[in-house]
C-alpha atoms as a PDB file:
ATOM      1  CA  UNK A   1      86.677 100.529  83.631  1.00  0.00           C
ATOM      2  CA  UNK A   2      86.644 100.407  87.235  1.00  0.00           C
ATOM      3  CA  UNK A   3      89.499 100.117  89.330  1.00  0.00           C
ATOM      4  CA  UNK A   4      89.726 100.466  93.771  1.00  0.00           C
ATOM      5  CA  UNK A   5      93.090 103.386  94.215  1.00  0.00           C
ATOM      6  CA  UNK A   6      94.984 104.110  96.270  1.00  0.00           C
ATOM      7  CA  UNK A   7      95.550 107.946  95.914  1.00  0.00           C
ATOM      8  CA  UNK A   8      96.763 108.739  99.450  1.00  0.00           C
ATOM      9  CA  UNK A   9      98.457 107.323 101.962  1.00  0.00           C
ATOM     10  CA  UNK A  10      96.752 106.400 104.574  1.00  0.00           C
ATOM     11  CA  UNK A  11      93.583 107.184 103.532  1.00  0.00           C
ATOM     12  CA  UNK A  12      90.735 104.646 102.075  1.00  0.00           C
ATOM     13  CA  UNK A  13      91.052 103.119  98.966  1.00  0.00           C
ATOM     14  CA  UNK A  14      88.585 105.162  96.446  1.00  0.00           C
ATOM     15  CA  UNK A  15      86.778 103.747  93.421  1.00  0.00           C
ATOM     16  CA  UNK A  16      87.668 105.122  89.963  1.00  0.00           C
ATOM     17  CA  UNK A  17      86.779 104.964  86.411  1.00  0.00           C
ATOM     18  CA  UNK A  18      90.218 104.516  84.605  1.00  0.00           C
ATOM     19  CA  UNK A  19      90.973 104.256  80.730  1.00  0.00           C
ATOM     20  CA  UNK A  20      91.217 100.489  79.664  1.00  0.00           C
ATOM     21  CA  UNK A  21      94.855 100.423  78.939  1.00  0.00           C
ATOM     22  CA  UNK A  22      96.170  99.587  75.206  1.00  0.00           C
ATOM     23  CA  UNK A  23      97.369  95.853  74.512  1.00  0.00           C
ATOM     24  CA  UNK A  24     100.905  94.981  72.748  1.00  0.00           C
ATOM     25  CA  UNK A  25     101.271  92.355  70.088  1.00  0.00           C
ATOM     26  CA  UNK A  26     102.892  89.771  73.129  1.00  0.00           C
ATOM     27  CA  UNK A  27     100.164  90.995  75.812  1.00  0.00           C
ATOM     28  CA  UNK A  28      96.957  90.200  76.519  1.00  0.00           C
ATOM     29  CA  UNK A  29      94.043  92.343  77.898  1.00  0.00           C
ATOM     30  CA  UNK A  30      92.032  90.319  81.258  1.00  0.00           C
ATOM     31  CA  UNK A  31      88.604  91.583  82.409  1.00  0.00           C
ATOM     32  CA  UNK A  32      89.227  91.407  86.427  1.00  0.00           C
ATOM     33  CA  UNK A  33      86.408  89.381  88.349  1.00  0.00           C
ATOM     34  CA  UNK A  34      88.268  88.986  92.218  1.00  0.00           C
ATOM     35  CA  UNK A  35      91.551  90.711  92.817  1.00  0.00           C
ATOM     36  CA  UNK A  36      93.540  89.810  95.945  1.00  0.00           C
ATOM     37  CA  UNK A  37      94.979  92.231  98.757  1.00  0.00           C
ATOM     38  CA  UNK A  38      97.425  90.998 100.662  1.00  0.00           C
ATOM     39  CA  UNK A  39      99.781  92.414 103.575  1.00  0.00           C
ATOM     40  CA  UNK A  40     102.033  93.900 100.987  1.00  0.00           C
ATOM     41  CA  UNK A  41      99.364  95.959  99.596  1.00  0.00           C
ATOM     42  CA  UNK A  42      98.065  96.934 103.096  1.00  0.00           C
ATOM     43  CA  UNK A  43     101.847  98.127 103.811  1.00  0.00           C
ATOM     44  CA  UNK A  44     101.832 100.554 100.696  1.00  0.00           C
ATOM     45  CA  UNK A  45      98.483 101.627 102.348  1.00  0.00           C
ATOM     46  CA  UNK A  46      99.863 102.610 105.532  1.00  0.00           C
ATOM     47  CA  UNK A  47     103.272 103.879 103.860  1.00  0.00           C
ATOM     48  CA  UNK A  48     105.243 101.382 105.629  1.00  0.00           C
ATOM     49  CA  UNK A  49     106.724 100.579 102.374  1.00  0.00           C
ATOM     50  CA  UNK A  50     106.792 102.515  99.211  1.00  0.00           C
ATOM     51  CA  UNK A  51     105.453 101.762  95.608  1.00  0.00           C
ATOM     52  CA  UNK A  52     105.854 104.425  93.294  1.00  0.00           C
ATOM     53  CA  UNK A  53     103.814 107.682  92.260  1.00  0.00           C
ATOM     54  CA  UNK A  54     100.091 107.620  93.256  1.00  0.00           C
ATOM     55  CA  UNK A  55      97.443 106.900  92.217  1.00  0.00           C
ATOM     56  CA  UNK A  56      97.880 103.281  91.843  1.00  0.00           C
ATOM     57  CA  UNK A  57      95.681 100.124  91.575  1.00  0.00           C
ATOM     58  CA  UNK A  58      96.762  97.435  94.438  1.00  0.00           C
ATOM     59  CA  UNK A  59      96.160  93.918  93.897  1.00  0.00           C
ATOM     60  CA  UNK A  60      98.374  91.640  92.225  1.00  0.00           C
ATOM     61  CA  UNK A  61      96.697  88.282  92.978  1.00  0.00           C
ATOM     62  CA  UNK A  62      94.175  88.578  89.794  1.00  0.00           C
ATOM     63  CA  UNK A  63      91.213  86.285  88.739  1.00  0.00           C
ATOM     64  CA  UNK A  64      89.722  87.021  84.820  1.00  0.00           C
ATOM     65  CA  UNK A  65      88.694  86.278  81.961  1.00  0.00           C
ATOM     66  CA  UNK A  66      90.630  86.836  78.753  1.00  0.00           C
ATOM     67  CA  UNK A  67      89.504  89.682  76.600  1.00  0.00           C
ATOM     68  CA  UNK A  68      91.782  90.735  73.950  1.00  0.00           C
ATOM     69  CA  UNK A  69      94.822  89.055  73.134  1.00  0.00           C
ATOM     70  CA  UNK A  70      97.945  90.388  71.328  1.00  0.00           C
ATOM     71  CA  UNK A  71      98.963  89.175  67.533  1.00  0.00           C
ATOM     72  CA  UNK A  72     102.537  87.421  69.066  1.00  0.00           C
ATOM     73  CA  UNK A  73     100.765  85.649  71.725  1.00  0.00           C
ATOM     74  CA  UNK A  74     100.323  81.590  71.211  1.00  0.00           C
ATOM     75  CA  UNK A  75      96.799  80.494  70.524  1.00  0.00           C
ATOM     76  CA  UNK A  76      97.870  77.390  72.485  1.00  0.00           C
ATOM     77  CA  UNK A  77      98.128  79.301  75.611  1.00  0.00           C
ATOM     78  CA  UNK A  78      95.319  81.090  76.064  1.00  0.00           C
ATOM     79  CA  UNK A  79      91.994  81.784  73.980  1.00  0.00           C
ATOM     80  CA  UNK A  80      89.027  84.707  74.152  1.00  0.00           C
ATOM     81  CA  UNK A  81      86.728  84.237  77.074  1.00  0.00           C
ATOM     82  CA  UNK A  82      89.363  81.737  78.803  1.00  0.00           C
ATOM     83  CA  UNK A  83      89.459  81.932  82.693  1.00  0.00           C
ATOM     84  CA  UNK A  84      92.271  82.459  83.928  1.00  0.00           C
ATOM     85  CA  UNK A  85      94.607  83.569  86.981  1.00  0.00           C
ATOM     86  CA  UNK A  86      97.812  85.603  87.036  1.00  0.00           C
ATOM     87  CA  UNK A  87      99.982  85.679  90.397  1.00  0.00           C
ATOM     88  CA  UNK A  88     102.651  88.499  89.258  1.00  0.00           C
ATOM     89  CA  UNK A  89     105.932  89.242  91.368  1.00  0.00           C
ATOM     90  CA  UNK A  90     106.206  92.579  92.633  1.00  0.00           C
END
């Protein structure tokens, strides 16, 4: 899959091809259609805040479509092809 990633502090983000992650029994896999880059992501890129080992995919406000559903995910919560919005706290 394609991902725009931070590979070096202070450098432009890079479009890279990375493997699709496997999902666990309690996970869902979302095909991202849009992802917001916010001020905290800009701070990571500038080196003002630490994020962890590089390279890393920025963006934690995501809209997309459910692609796969783990076996223990409640079917009332989501279904394949459902459009969803994810906002995760870091």
